[in-house]
Amino acid sequence: MVTPPVGVPMAGFGARTEVSQGVHDDLHAKILLMESGRRRAALVTLDLVGLKRESKGDSRKARGNRSDQRYDRV
């Protein structure tokens, strides 16, 4: 699950000025792994409007550290 904690600022509606008040439904990440010969690819989807740039870099580094993939290929 990728559900943010209660109290974070929310996006998706311009007039929204308050932080989240609770969780209606949990948010999830899904991954599709593909392989052809020695080439591998993964498609990741998130139930989110977006991520901060530093979150993207952290995710790429973490994935690269847990596999034999170079950082620039994650």
PDB file of N, CA and C in Angstrom:
ATOM      1  N   MET A   1       0.837  -1.180   0.000  1.00  0.00           N
ATOM      2  CA  MET A   1       0.000   0.000   0.000  1.00  0.00           C
ATOM      3  C   MET A   1       0.881   1.242   0.000  1.00  0.00           C
ATOM      4  N   VAL A   2       0.387   2.283  -0.631  1.00  0.00           N
ATOM      5  CA  VAL A   2       1.097   3.564  -0.673  1.00  0.00           C
ATOM      6  C   VAL A   2       0.223   4.684  -0.098  1.00  0.00           C
ATOM      7  N   THR A   3      -0.725   4.312   0.746  1.00  0.00           N
ATOM      8  CA  THR A   3      -1.623   5.294   1.348  1.00  0.00           C
ATOM      9  C   THR A   3      -0.831   6.242   2.242  1.00  0.00           C
ATOM     10  N   PRO A   4      -0.901   7.556   1.976  1.00  0.00           N
ATOM     11  CA  PRO A   4      -0.184   8.499   2.842  1.00  0.00           C
ATOM     12  C   PRO A   4      -0.871   8.607   4.203  1.00  0.00           C
ATOM     13  N   PRO A   5      -0.145   9.053   5.208  1.00  0.00           N
ATOM     14  CA  PRO A   5      -0.755   9.189   6.526  1.00  0.00           C
ATOM     15  C   PRO A   5      -1.789  10.314   6.556  1.00  0.00           C
ATOM     16  N   VAL A   6      -2.723  10.198   7.485  1.00  0.00           N
ATOM     17  CA  VAL A   6      -3.725  11.248   7.681  1.00  0.00           C
ATOM     18  C   VAL A   6      -2.994  12.542   8.042  1.00  0.00           C
ATOM     19  N   GLY A   7      -3.463  13.649   7.465  1.00  0.00           N
ATOM     20  CA  GLY A   7      -2.885  14.949   7.779  1.00  0.00           C
ATOM     21  C   GLY A   7      -1.968  15.512   6.716  1.00  0.00           C
ATOM     22  N   VAL A   8      -1.778  14.778   5.614  1.00  0.00           N
ATOM     23  CA  VAL A   8      -0.923  15.301   4.550  1.00  0.00           C
ATOM     24  C   VAL A   8      -1.746  16.201   3.628  1.00  0.00           C
ATOM     25  N   PRO A   9      -1.118  17.192   3.006  1.00  0.00           N
ATOM     26  CA  PRO A   9      -1.836  18.027   2.037  1.00  0.00           C
ATOM     27  C   PRO A   9      -2.312  17.166   0.868  1.00  0.00           C
ATOM     28  N   MET A  10      -3.462  17.510   0.323  1.00  0.00           N
ATOM     29  CA  MET A  10      -4.034  16.726  -0.771  1.00  0.00           C
ATOM     30  C   MET A  10      -4.006  17.518  -2.069  1.00  0.00           C
ATOM     31  N   ALA A  11      -4.023  16.791  -3.177  1.00  0.00           N
ATOM     32  CA  ALA A  11      -4.003  17.403  -4.500  1.00  0.00           C
ATOM     33  C   ALA A  11      -5.203  16.900  -5.289  1.00  0.00           C
ATOM     34  N   GLY A  12      -5.424  17.500  -6.449  1.00  0.00           N
ATOM     35  CA  GLY A  12      -6.458  17.012  -7.346  1.00  0.00           C
ATOM     36  C   GLY A  12      -7.677  17.903  -7.456  1.00  0.00           C
ATOM     37  N   PHE A  13      -7.808  18.875  -6.583  1.00  0.00           N
ATOM     38  CA  PHE A  13      -8.944  19.788  -6.630  1.00  0.00           C
ATOM     39  C   PHE A  13      -8.431  21.151  -6.191  1.00  0.00           C
ATOM     40  N   GLY A  14      -8.460  22.119  -7.082  1.00  0.00           N
ATOM     41  CA  GLY A  14      -7.835  23.411  -6.853  1.00  0.00           C
ATOM     42  C   GLY A  14      -8.313  24.168  -5.627  1.00  0.00           C
ATOM     43  N   ALA A  15      -9.574  24.013  -5.246  1.00  0.00           N
ATOM     44  CA  ALA A  15     -10.102  24.767  -4.111  1.00  0.00           C
ATOM     45  C   ALA A  15      -9.850  24.079  -2.771  1.00  0.00           C
ATOM     46  N   ARG A  16      -9.194  22.945  -2.782  1.00  0.00           N
ATOM     47  CA  ARG A  16      -8.931  22.207  -1.536  1.00  0.00           C
ATOM     48  C   ARG A  16      -7.856  22.933  -0.748  1.00  0.00           C
ATOM     49  N   THR A  17      -8.163  23.272   0.495  1.00  0.00           N
ATOM     50  CA  THR A  17      -7.199  23.993   1.323  1.00  0.00           C
ATOM     51  C   THR A  17      -6.836  23.238   2.594  1.00  0.00           C
ATOM     52  N   GLU A  18      -7.556  22.195   2.933  1.00  0.00           N
ATOM     53  CA  GLU A  18      -7.289  21.447   4.162  1.00  0.00           C
ATOM     54  C   GLU A  18      -6.493  20.184   3.859  1.00  0.00           C
ATOM     55  N   VAL A  19      -5.898  19.634   4.909  1.00  0.00           N
ATOM     56  CA  VAL A  19      -5.170  18.378   4.780  1.00  0.00           C
ATOM     57  C   VAL A  19      -6.163  17.218   4.858  1.00  0.00           C
ATOM     58  N   SER A  20      -5.689  16.006   4.584  1.00  0.00           N
ATOM     59  CA  SER A  20      -6.573  14.844   4.633  1.00  0.00           C
ATOM     60  C   SER A  20      -7.104  14.634   6.048  1.00  0.00           C
ATOM     61  N   GLN A  21      -8.346  14.194   6.128  1.00  0.00           N
ATOM     62  CA  GLN A  21      -9.014  13.982   7.410  1.00  0.00           C
ATOM     63  C   GLN A  21      -9.120  12.506   7.774  1.00  0.00           C
ATOM     64  N   GLY A  22      -8.876  11.627   6.816  1.00  0.00           N
ATOM     65  CA  GLY A  22      -8.984  10.194   7.056  1.00  0.00           C
ATOM     66  C   GLY A  22      -8.733   9.432   5.778  1.00  0.00           C
ATOM     67  N   VAL A  23      -8.933   8.134   5.825  1.00  0.00           N
ATOM     68  CA  VAL A  23      -8.718   7.262   4.664  1.00  0.00           C
ATOM     69  C   VAL A  23     -10.034   6.605   4.299  1.00  0.00           C
ATOM     70  N   HIS A  24     -10.506   6.865   3.080  1.00  0.00           N
ATOM     71  CA  HIS A  24     -11.720   6.214   2.582  1.00  0.00           C
ATOM     72  C   HIS A  24     -11.374   4.852   1.997  1.00  0.00           C
ATOM     73  N   ASP A  25     -10.355   4.823   1.142  1.00  0.00           N
ATOM     74  CA  ASP A  25      -9.861   3.590   0.526  1.00  0.00           C
ATOM     75  C   ASP A  25      -8.339   3.648   0.513  1.00  0.00           C
ATOM     76  N   ASP A  26      -7.712   2.515   0.780  1.00  0.00           N
ATOM     77  CA  ASP A  26      -6.262   2.466   0.696  1.00  0.00           C
ATOM     78  C   ASP A  26      -5.814   2.633  -0.749  1.00  0.00           C
ATOM     79  N   LEU A  27      -4.628   3.217  -0.923  1.00  0.00           N
ATOM     80  CA  LEU A  27      -4.019   3.400  -2.237  1.00  0.00           C
ATOM     81  C   LEU A  27      -2.955   2.329  -2.430  1.00  0.00           C
ATOM     82  N   HIS A  28      -2.788   1.876  -3.664  1.00  0.00           N
ATOM     83  CA  HIS A  28      -1.895   0.751  -3.932  1.00  0.00           C
ATOM     84  C   HIS A  28      -0.904   1.077  -5.043  1.00  0.00           C
ATOM     85  N   ALA A  29       0.166   0.316  -5.069  1.00  0.00           N
ATOM     86  CA  ALA A  29       1.124   0.308  -6.171  1.00  0.00           C
ATOM     87  C   ALA A  29       0.990  -1.049  -6.850  1.00  0.00           C
ATOM     88  N   LYS A  30       1.106  -1.050  -8.164  1.00  0.00           N
ATOM     89  CA  LYS A  30       1.053  -2.304  -8.927  1.00  0.00           C
ATOM     90  C   LYS A  30       2.264  -2.341  -9.847  1.00  0.00           C
ATOM     91  N   ILE A  31       2.729  -3.543 -10.120  1.00  0.00           N
ATOM     92  CA  ILE A  31       3.906  -3.685 -10.971  1.00  0.00           C
ATOM     93  C   ILE A  31       3.681  -4.802 -11.983  1.00  0.00           C
ATOM     94  N   LEU A  32       4.114  -4.554 -13.210  1.00  0.00           N
ATOM     95  CA  LEU A  32       4.107  -5.554 -14.274  1.00  0.00           C
ATOM     96  C   LEU A  32       5.561  -5.790 -14.654  1.00  0.00           C
ATOM     97  N   LEU A  33       6.027  -7.014 -14.469  1.00  0.00           N
ATOM     98  CA  LEU A  33       7.400  -7.367 -14.807  1.00  0.00           C
ATOM     99  C   LEU A  33       7.423  -8.090 -16.145  1.00  0.00           C
ATOM    100  N   MET A  34       8.363  -7.702 -16.998  1.00  0.00           N
ATOM    101  CA  MET A  34       8.486  -8.308 -18.326  1.00  0.00           C
ATOM    102  C   MET A  34       9.941  -8.695 -18.553  1.00  0.00           C
ATOM    103  N   GLU A  35      10.144  -9.795 -19.274  1.00  0.00           N
ATOM    104  CA  GLU A  35      11.495 -10.249 -19.556  1.00  0.00           C
ATOM    105  C   GLU A  35      11.540 -10.848 -20.951  1.00  0.00           C
ATOM    106  N   SER A  36      12.599 -10.529 -21.672  1.00  0.00           N
ATOM    107  CA  SER A  36      12.825 -11.088 -22.996  1.00  0.00           C
ATOM    108  C   SER A  36      14.328 -11.317 -23.126  1.00  0.00           C
ATOM    109  N   GLY A  37      14.713 -12.575 -23.092  1.00  0.00           N
ATOM    110  CA  GLY A  37      16.148 -12.863 -23.112  1.00  0.00           C
ATOM    111  C   GLY A  37      16.794 -12.321 -21.848  1.00  0.00           C
ATOM    112  N   ARG A  38      17.815 -11.489 -22.035  1.00  0.00           N
ATOM    113  CA  ARG A  38      18.510 -10.896 -20.880  1.00  0.00           C
ATOM    114  C   ARG A  38      17.968  -9.519 -20.520  1.00  0.00           C
ATOM    115  N   ARG A  39      17.002  -9.031 -21.257  1.00  0.00           N
ATOM    116  CA  ARG A  39      16.442  -7.701 -20.981  1.00  0.00           C
ATOM    117  C   ARG A  39      15.218  -7.823 -20.096  1.00  0.00           C
ATOM    118  N   ARG A  40      15.150  -6.954 -19.106  1.00  0.00           N
ATOM    119  CA  ARG A  40      14.012  -6.935 -18.194  1.00  0.00           C
ATOM    120  C   ARG A  40      13.470  -5.529 -18.095  1.00  0.00           C
ATOM    121  N   ALA A  41      12.168  -5.455 -17.877  1.00  0.00           N
ATOM    122  CA  ALA A  41      11.517  -4.155 -17.711  1.00  0.00           C
ATOM    123  C   ALA A  41      10.385  -4.307 -16.699  1.00  0.00           C
ATOM    124  N   ALA A  42      10.087  -3.226 -16.030  1.00  0.00           N
ATOM    125  CA  ALA A  42       8.987  -3.210 -15.069  1.00  0.00           C
ATOM    126  C   ALA A  42       8.181  -1.938 -15.295  1.00  0.00           C
ATOM    127  N   LEU A  43       6.886  -2.082 -15.288  1.00  0.00           N
ATOM    128  CA  LEU A  43       5.977  -0.947 -15.362  1.00  0.00           C
ATOM    129  C   LEU A  43       5.304  -0.840 -14.003  1.00  0.00           C
ATOM    130  N   VAL A  44       5.482   0.297 -13.339  1.00  0.00           N
ATOM    131  CA  VAL A  44       4.924   0.508 -12.003  1.00  0.00           C
ATOM    132  C   VAL A  44       3.846   1.581 -12.094  1.00  0.00           C
ATOM    133  N   THR A  45       2.697   1.284 -11.501  1.00  0.00           N
ATOM    134  CA  THR A  45       1.622   2.271 -11.425  1.00  0.00           C
ATOM    135  C   THR A  45       1.294   2.523  -9.961  1.00  0.00           C
ATOM    136  N   LEU A  46       0.923   3.758  -9.661  1.00  0.00           N
ATOM    137  CA  LEU A  46       0.580   4.165  -8.300  1.00  0.00           C
ATOM    138  C   LEU A  46      -0.774   4.848  -8.299  1.00  0.00           C
ATOM    139  N   ASP A  47      -1.570   4.597  -7.273  1.00  0.00           N
ATOM    140  CA  ASP A  47      -2.852   5.282  -7.113  1.00  0.00           C
ATOM    141  C   ASP A  47      -2.617   6.660  -6.501  1.00  0.00           C
ATOM    142  N   LEU A  48      -1.748   7.452  -7.129  1.00  0.00           N
ATOM    143  CA  LEU A  48      -1.392   8.778  -6.626  1.00  0.00           C
ATOM    144  C   LEU A  48      -1.454   9.784  -7.761  1.00  0.00           C
ATOM    145  N   VAL A  49      -1.630  11.056  -7.412  1.00  0.00           N
ATOM    146  CA  VAL A  49      -1.588  12.120  -8.412  1.00  0.00           C
ATOM    147  C   VAL A  49      -0.158  12.327  -8.881  1.00  0.00           C
ATOM    148  N   GLY A  50       0.806  12.202  -7.974  1.00  0.00           N
ATOM    149  CA  GLY A  50       2.198  12.397  -8.341  1.00  0.00           C
ATOM    150  C   GLY A  50       3.117  12.122  -7.171  1.00  0.00           C
ATOM    151  N   LEU A  51       4.407  12.230  -7.432  1.00  0.00           N
ATOM    152  CA  LEU A  51       5.438  12.055  -6.411  1.00  0.00           C
ATOM    153  C   LEU A  51       6.367  13.253  -6.443  1.00  0.00           C
ATOM    154  N   LYS A  52       6.953  13.556  -5.301  1.00  0.00           N
ATOM    155  CA  LYS A  52       7.989  14.580  -5.272  1.00  0.00           C
ATOM    156  C   LYS A  52       9.219  14.010  -5.955  1.00  0.00           C
ATOM    157  N   ARG A  53       9.996  14.873  -6.578  1.00  0.00           N
ATOM    158  CA  ARG A  53      11.179  14.435  -7.319  1.00  0.00           C
ATOM    159  C   ARG A  53      12.119  13.593  -6.454  1.00  0.00           C
ATOM    160  N   GLU A  54      12.333  13.996  -5.192  1.00  0.00           N
ATOM    161  CA  GLU A  54      13.251  13.232  -4.344  1.00  0.00           C
ATOM    162  C   GLU A  54      12.722  11.829  -4.047  1.00  0.00           C
ATOM    163  N   SER A  55      11.418  11.645  -4.023  1.00  0.00           N
ATOM    164  CA  SER A  55      10.836  10.318  -3.817  1.00  0.00           C
ATOM    165  C   SER A  55      11.140   9.411  -5.000  1.00  0.00           C
ATOM    166  N   LYS A  56      11.097   9.957  -6.195  1.00  0.00           N
ATOM    167  CA  LYS A  56      11.400   9.159  -7.386  1.00  0.00           C
ATOM    168  C   LYS A  56      12.842   8.665  -7.354  1.00  0.00           C
ATOM    169  N   GLY A  57      13.769   9.554  -7.007  1.00  0.00           N
ATOM    170  CA  GLY A  57      15.177   9.172  -6.936  1.00  0.00           C
ATOM    171  C   GLY A  57      15.428   8.128  -5.871  1.00  0.00           C
ATOM    172  N   ASP A  58      14.803   8.301  -4.709  1.00  0.00           N
ATOM    173  CA  ASP A  58      14.960   7.323  -3.626  1.00  0.00           C
ATOM    174  C   ASP A  58      14.451   5.954  -4.056  1.00  0.00           C
ATOM    175  N   SER A  59      13.325   5.918  -4.754  1.00  0.00           N
ATOM    176  CA  SER A  59      12.763   4.650  -5.210  1.00  0.00           C
ATOM    177  C   SER A  59      13.678   3.973  -6.217  1.00  0.00           C
ATOM    178  N   ARG A  60      14.239   4.753  -7.128  1.00  0.00           N
ATOM    179  CA  ARG A  60      15.146   4.177  -8.119  1.00  0.00           C
ATOM    180  C   ARG A  60      16.395   3.614  -7.461  1.00  0.00           C
ATOM    181  N   LYS A  61      16.952   4.338  -6.504  1.00  0.00           N
ATOM    182  CA  LYS A  61      18.157   3.867  -5.808  1.00  0.00           C
ATOM    183  C   LYS A  61      17.862   2.597  -5.021  1.00  0.00           C
ATOM    184  N   ALA A  62      16.729   2.571  -4.308  1.00  0.00           N
ATOM    185  CA  ALA A  62      16.379   1.403  -3.510  1.00  0.00           C
ATOM    186  C   ALA A  62      16.208   0.184  -4.397  1.00  0.00           C
ATOM    187  N   ARG A  63      15.538   0.337  -5.522  1.00  0.00           N
ATOM    188  CA  ARG A  63      15.319  -0.793  -6.435  1.00  0.00           C
ATOM    189  C   ARG A  63      16.643  -1.254  -7.031  1.00  0.00           C
ATOM    190  N   GLY A  64      17.470  -0.318  -7.422  1.00  0.00           N
ATOM    191  CA  GLY A  64      18.765  -0.679  -7.991  1.00  0.00           C
ATOM    192  C   GLY A  64      19.657  -1.391  -6.992  1.00  0.00           C
ATOM    193  N   ASN A  65      19.597  -0.998  -5.729  1.00  0.00           N
ATOM    194  CA  ASN A  65      20.408  -1.629  -4.692  1.00  0.00           C
ATOM    195  C   ASN A  65      19.945  -3.048  -4.390  1.00  0.00           C
ATOM    196  N   ARG A  66      18.689  -3.362  -4.660  1.00  0.00           N
ATOM    197  CA  ARG A  66      18.143  -4.688  -4.352  1.00  0.00           C
ATOM    198  C   ARG A  66      18.167  -5.623  -5.557  1.00  0.00           C
ATOM    199  N   SER A  67      18.808  -5.208  -6.603  1.00  0.00           N
ATOM    200  CA  SER A  67      18.847  -6.052  -7.802  1.00  0.00           C
ATOM    201  C   SER A  67      20.193  -5.872  -8.481  1.00  0.00           C
ATOM    202  N   ASP A  68      20.353  -6.520  -9.601  1.00  0.00           N
ATOM    203  CA  ASP A  68      21.592  -6.358 -10.361  1.00  0.00           C
ATOM    204  C   ASP A  68      21.461  -5.266 -11.421  1.00  0.00           C
ATOM    205  N   GLN A  69      20.426  -4.436 -11.282  1.00  0.00           N
ATOM    206  CA  GLN A  69      20.203  -3.370 -12.254  1.00  0.00           C
ATOM    207  C   GLN A  69      20.996  -2.125 -11.888  1.00  0.00           C
ATOM    208  N   ARG A  70      21.571  -1.468 -12.885  1.00  0.00           N
ATOM    209  CA  ARG A  70      22.234  -0.194 -12.660  1.00  0.00           C
ATOM    210  C   ARG A  70      21.186   0.869 -12.358  1.00  0.00           C
ATOM    211  N   TYR A  71      21.581   1.861 -11.562  1.00  0.00           N
ATOM    212  CA  TYR A  71      20.680   2.956 -11.182  1.00  0.00           C
ATOM    213  C   TYR A  71      20.068   3.640 -12.404  1.00  0.00           C
ATOM    214  N   ASP A  72      20.878   3.863 -13.445  1.00  0.00           N
ATOM    215  CA  ASP A  72      20.379   4.587 -14.624  1.00  0.00           C
ATOM    216  C   ASP A  72      19.421   3.752 -15.475  1.00  0.00           C
ATOM    217  N   ARG A  73      19.243   2.480 -15.129  1.00  0.00           N
ATOM    218  CA  ARG A  73      18.282   1.632 -15.848  1.00  0.00           C
ATOM    219  C   ARG A  73      17.033   1.337 -15.025  1.00  0.00           C
ATOM    220  N   VAL A  74      16.947   1.968 -13.888  1.00  0.00           N
ATOM    221  CA  VAL A  74      15.771   1.771 -13.033  1.00  0.00           C
ATOM    222  C   VAL A  74      14.836   2.940 -13.237  1.00  0.00           C
TER     223      VAL A  74
END
